[in-house]
C-alpha atoms as a PDB file:
ATOM      1  CA  UNK A   1      16.245   9.985   2.017  1.00  0.00           C
ATOM      2  CA  UNK A   2      16.171   6.793   0.065  1.00  0.00           C
ATOM      3  CA  UNK A   3      16.577   6.339  -3.713  1.00  0.00           C
ATOM      4  CA  UNK A   4      12.706   5.516  -3.779  1.00  0.00           C
ATOM      5  CA  UNK A   5      11.534   8.397  -1.795  1.00  0.00           C
ATOM      6  CA  UNK A   6      13.626  10.649  -4.142  1.00  0.00           C
ATOM      7  CA  UNK A   7      12.015   9.026  -7.285  1.00  0.00           C
ATOM      8  CA  UNK A   8       8.545   9.619  -5.823  1.00  0.00           C
ATOM      9  CA  UNK A   9       9.384  13.299  -4.997  1.00  0.00           C
ATOM     10  CA  UNK A  10      10.524  13.754  -8.412  1.00  0.00           C
ATOM     11  CA  UNK A  11       7.301  12.325  -9.725  1.00  0.00           C
ATOM     12  CA  UNK A  12       5.162  14.395  -7.617  1.00  0.00           C
ATOM     13  CA  UNK A  13       7.254  17.372  -8.541  1.00  0.00           C
ATOM     14  CA  UNK A  14       6.934  16.919 -12.175  1.00  0.00           C
ATOM     15  CA  UNK A  15       3.203  16.360 -11.838  1.00  0.00           C
ATOM     16  CA  UNK A  16       2.800  19.695  -9.939  1.00  0.00           C
ATOM     17  CA  UNK A  17       4.997  21.331 -12.664  1.00  0.00           C
ATOM     18  CA  UNK A  18       2.697  20.087 -15.329  1.00  0.00           C
ATOM     19  CA  UNK A  19      -0.538  21.278 -13.549  1.00  0.00           C
ATOM     20  CA  UNK A  20       1.047  24.688 -13.371  1.00  0.00           C
ATOM     21  CA  UNK A  21       2.145  24.669 -16.758  1.00  0.00           C
ATOM     22  CA  UNK A  22      -1.437  23.528 -18.109  1.00  0.00           C
ATOM     23  CA  UNK A  23      -2.881  26.157 -15.898  1.00  0.00           C
ATOM     24  CA  UNK A  24      -0.592  28.890 -17.243  1.00  0.00           C
ATOM     25  CA  UNK A  25      -1.376  27.747 -20.993  1.00  0.00           C
ATOM     26  CA  UNK A  26      -5.177  27.982 -20.354  1.00  0.00           C
ATOM     27  CA  UNK A  27      -4.494  31.440 -19.044  1.00  0.00           C
ATOM     28  CA  UNK A  28      -2.761  32.523 -22.268  1.00  0.00           C
ATOM     29  CA  UNK A  29      -5.518  30.853 -24.363  1.00  0.00           C
ATOM     30  CA  UNK A  30      -8.062  32.723 -22.462  1.00  0.00           C
ATOM     31  CA  UNK A  31     -10.017  29.761 -21.862  1.00  0.00           C
ATOM     32  CA  UNK A  32     -10.679  31.105 -18.234  1.00  0.00           C
ATOM     33  CA  UNK A  33     -13.301  33.447 -19.549  1.00  0.00           C
ATOM     34  CA  UNK A  34     -15.375  30.448 -20.300  1.00  0.00           C
ATOM     35  CA  UNK A  35     -15.061  28.430 -17.409  1.00  0.00           C
ATOM     36  CA  UNK A  36     -15.258  29.397 -13.708  1.00  0.00           C
ATOM     37  CA  UNK A  37     -11.871  29.118 -11.525  1.00  0.00           C
ATOM     38  CA  UNK A  38     -13.706  26.446  -9.312  1.00  0.00           C
ATOM     39  CA  UNK A  39     -13.530  24.194 -12.441  1.00  0.00           C
ATOM     40  CA  UNK A  40      -9.758  24.487 -12.733  1.00  0.00           C
ATOM     41  CA  UNK A  41      -9.298  23.741  -9.219  1.00  0.00           C
ATOM     42  CA  UNK A  42     -11.273  20.735  -9.377  1.00  0.00           C
ATOM     43  CA  UNK A  43      -9.594  19.585 -12.344  1.00  0.00           C
ATOM     44  CA  UNK A  44      -6.008  20.013 -10.834  1.00  0.00           C
ATOM     45  CA  UNK A  45      -7.412  17.987  -7.661  1.00  0.00           C
ATOM     46  CA  UNK A  46      -8.598  15.372  -9.872  1.00  0.00           C
ATOM     47  CA  UNK A  47      -5.236  15.086 -11.760  1.00  0.00           C
ATOM     48  CA  UNK A  48      -3.310  14.738  -8.409  1.00  0.00           C
ATOM     49  CA  UNK A  49      -5.850  12.140  -7.139  1.00  0.00           C
ATOM     50  CA  UNK A  50      -5.364  10.172 -10.281  1.00  0.00           C
ATOM     51  CA  UNK A  51      -1.635  10.576 -10.266  1.00  0.00           C
ATOM     52  CA  UNK A  52      -1.390   9.847  -6.665  1.00  0.00           C
ATOM     53  CA  UNK A  53      -3.484   6.564  -7.106  1.00  0.00           C
ATOM     54  CA  UNK A  54      -0.993   5.352 -10.051  1.00  0.00           C
ATOM     55  CA  UNK A  55       2.043   6.272  -7.891  1.00  0.00           C
ATOM     56  CA  UNK A  56       0.706   4.294  -5.007  1.00  0.00           C
ATOM     57  CA  UNK A  57      -0.128   1.276  -7.247  1.00  0.00           C
ATOM     58  CA  UNK A  58       3.270   1.283  -8.618  1.00  0.00           C
ATOM     59  CA  UNK A  59       5.068   1.582  -5.216  1.00  0.00           C
ATOM     60  CA  UNK A  60       2.873  -1.131  -4.067  1.00  0.00           C
ATOM     61  CA  UNK A  61       3.711  -3.485  -6.726  1.00  0.00           C
ATOM     62  CA  UNK A  62       7.497  -2.737  -6.220  1.00  0.00           C
ATOM     63  CA  UNK A  63       7.185  -3.251  -2.579  1.00  0.00           C
ATOM     64  CA  UNK A  64       5.551  -6.520  -3.280  1.00  0.00           C
ATOM     65  CA  UNK A  65       8.308  -7.564  -5.526  1.00  0.00           C
ATOM     66  CA  UNK A  66      10.813  -6.903  -3.034  1.00  0.00           C
ATOM     67  CA  UNK A  67       8.991  -8.823  -0.264  1.00  0.00           C
ATOM     68  CA  UNK A  68       8.558 -11.743  -2.426  1.00  0.00           C
ATOM     69  CA  UNK A  69      12.304 -11.834  -3.604  1.00  0.00           C
ATOM     70  CA  UNK A  70      13.721 -11.319  -0.069  1.00  0.00           C
ATOM     71  CA  UNK A  71      15.079 -14.174   1.861  1.00  0.00           C
ATOM     72  CA  UNK A  72      12.424 -14.119   4.693  1.00  0.00           C
ATOM     73  CA  UNK A  73       9.502 -11.845   4.194  1.00  0.00           C
ATOM     74  CA  UNK A  74       8.317 -13.242   7.658  1.00  0.00           C
ATOM     75  CA  UNK A  75      11.175 -11.000   9.123  1.00  0.00           C
ATOM     76  CA  UNK A  76       9.181  -7.851   8.392  1.00  0.00           C
ATOM     77  CA  UNK A  77       6.420  -8.741  10.889  1.00  0.00           C
ATOM     78  CA  UNK A  78       6.193  -7.639  14.275  1.00  0.00           C
ATOM     79  CA  UNK A  79       5.976 -10.174  17.172  1.00  0.00           C
ATOM     80  CA  UNK A  80       2.212  -9.542  17.508  1.00  0.00           C
ATOM     81  CA  UNK A  81       1.547 -10.136  13.806  1.00  0.00           C
ATOM     82  CA  UNK A  82       3.619 -13.319  14.017  1.00  0.00           C
ATOM     83  CA  UNK A  83       1.638 -14.462  16.966  1.00  0.00           C
ATOM     84  CA  UNK A  84      -1.631 -13.780  14.948  1.00  0.00           C
ATOM     85  CA  UNK A  85      -0.373 -15.588  11.946  1.00  0.00           C
ATOM     86  CA  UNK A  86       0.333 -18.642  14.032  1.00  0.00           C
ATOM     87  CA  UNK A  87      -3.120 -18.551  15.096  1.00  0.00           C
ATOM     88  CA  UNK A  88      -4.340 -18.150  11.422  1.00  0.00           C
ATOM     89  CA  UNK A  89      -2.213 -21.156  10.514  1.00  0.00           C
ATOM     90  CA  UNK A  90      -3.875 -22.880  13.391  1.00  0.00           C
ATOM     91  CA  UNK A  91      -7.188 -22.364  11.673  1.00  0.00           C
ATOM     92  CA  UNK A  92      -8.426 -20.028  14.303  1.00  0.00           C
ATOM     93  CA  UNK A  93     -11.413 -17.492  13.281  1.00  0.00           C
ATOM     94  CA  UNK A  94     -10.835 -13.838  13.444  1.00  0.00           C
ATOM     95  CA  UNK A  95     -13.224 -13.990  16.508  1.00  0.00           C
ATOM     96  CA  UNK A  96     -11.376 -16.762  18.171  1.00  0.00           C
ATOM     97  CA  UNK A  97      -8.109 -14.669  17.747  1.00  0.00           C
ATOM     98  CA  UNK A  98      -9.763 -11.597  19.155  1.00  0.00           C
ATOM     99  CA  UNK A  99     -10.781 -13.794  22.170  1.00  0.00           C
ATOM    100  CA  UNK A 100      -7.498 -15.253  22.892  1.00  0.00           C
ATOM    101  CA  UNK A 101      -5.664 -11.755  22.696  1.00  0.00           C
ATOM    102  CA  UNK A 102      -8.404 -10.069  24.639  1.00  0.00           C
ATOM    103  CA  UNK A 103      -8.679  -7.432  21.771  1.00  0.00           C
ATOM    104  CA  UNK A 104     -11.642  -6.145  19.497  1.00  0.00           C
ATOM    105  CA  UNK A 105     -12.378  -7.759  16.463  1.00  0.00           C
ATOM    106  CA  UNK A 106     -11.320  -4.606  14.465  1.00  0.00           C
ATOM    107  CA  UNK A 107      -8.094  -4.568  15.766  1.00  0.00           C
ATOM    108  CA  UNK A 108      -7.528  -8.341  14.760  1.00  0.00           C
ATOM    109  CA  UNK A 109      -8.668  -7.450  11.227  1.00  0.00           C
ATOM    110  CA  UNK A 110      -6.270  -4.391  11.258  1.00  0.00           C
ATOM    111  CA  UNK A 111      -3.306  -6.787  12.082  1.00  0.00           C
ATOM    112  CA  UNK A 112      -4.443  -9.265   9.338  1.00  0.00           C
ATOM    113  CA  UNK A 113      -4.563  -6.488   6.722  1.00  0.00           C
ATOM    114  CA  UNK A 114      -0.972  -5.335   8.084  1.00  0.00           C
ATOM    115  CA  UNK A 115       0.373  -9.108   7.644  1.00  0.00           C
ATOM    116  CA  UNK A 116      -1.345  -9.326   4.123  1.00  0.00           C
ATOM    117  CA  UNK A 117       0.344  -5.928   3.224  1.00  0.00           C
ATOM    118  CA  UNK A 118       3.721  -6.669   4.592  1.00  0.00           C
ATOM    119  CA  UNK A 119       3.872 -10.070   2.550  1.00  0.00           C
ATOM    120  CA  UNK A 120       1.965  -8.913  -0.579  1.00  0.00           C
ATOM    121  CA  UNK A 121      -0.822 -11.608   0.047  1.00  0.00           C
ATOM    122  CA  UNK A 122      -4.523 -11.180  -0.160  1.00  0.00           C
ATOM    123  CA  UNK A 123      -5.990 -14.258   1.690  1.00  0.00           C
ATOM    124  CA  UNK A 124      -5.409 -16.691   4.317  1.00  0.00           C
ATOM    125  CA  UNK A 125      -4.728 -19.516   2.147  1.00  0.00           C
ATOM    126  CA  UNK A 126      -1.751 -17.501   0.790  1.00  0.00           C
ATOM    127  CA  UNK A 127      -0.570 -16.832   4.317  1.00  0.00           C
ATOM    128  CA  UNK A 128      -0.532 -20.197   5.166  1.00  0.00           C
ATOM    129  CA  UNK A 129       1.351 -21.324   1.920  1.00  0.00           C
ATOM    130  CA  UNK A 130       4.035 -18.819   2.464  1.00  0.00           C
ATOM    131  CA  UNK A 131       4.480 -19.556   6.264  1.00  0.00           C
ATOM    132  CA  UNK A 132       4.642 -23.281   5.460  1.00  0.00           C
ATOM    133  CA  UNK A 133       7.192 -22.736   2.706  1.00  0.00           C
ATOM    134  CA  UNK A 134       9.429 -20.736   4.910  1.00  0.00           C
ATOM    135  CA  UNK A 135       9.189 -23.554   7.597  1.00  0.00           C
ATOM    136  CA  UNK A 136      10.241 -26.196   4.984  1.00  0.00           C
ATOM    137  CA  UNK A 137      13.121 -23.985   3.767  1.00  0.00           C
ATOM    138  CA  UNK A 138      14.254 -23.556   7.333  1.00  0.00           C
ATOM    139  CA  UNK A 139      13.933 -27.293   7.976  1.00  0.00           C
ATOM    140  CA  UNK A 140      15.511 -28.475   4.666  1.00  0.00           C
END
């Protein structure tokens, strides 16, 4: 278990403990007589949803920082993702890339989203820039 997974597990444990404590405090204060049990469950579910959202955003930003500071972020890509990235660099559209690879358009979109996530990018222009930067670094 990595340090990052341990930190996440501890955060989720703390969130669960706080939810249980909140529920017990509400029982002590006899608030449950005024609200239905369903409302408590809904509130707890919403709290965990919000906590999960913030934890995932925090982890994603940390992952993006690690990728950007690593020596070669392109090393994280699979061979299929690299070939699709090369076709993107050549200026091919998603439909053209799908036709070249004999797959559905949705498959190409999934590969492109995986590339963006692994490189911490949000569009084709950024992908082209990082690819060209790495080529210049390799040549120079």
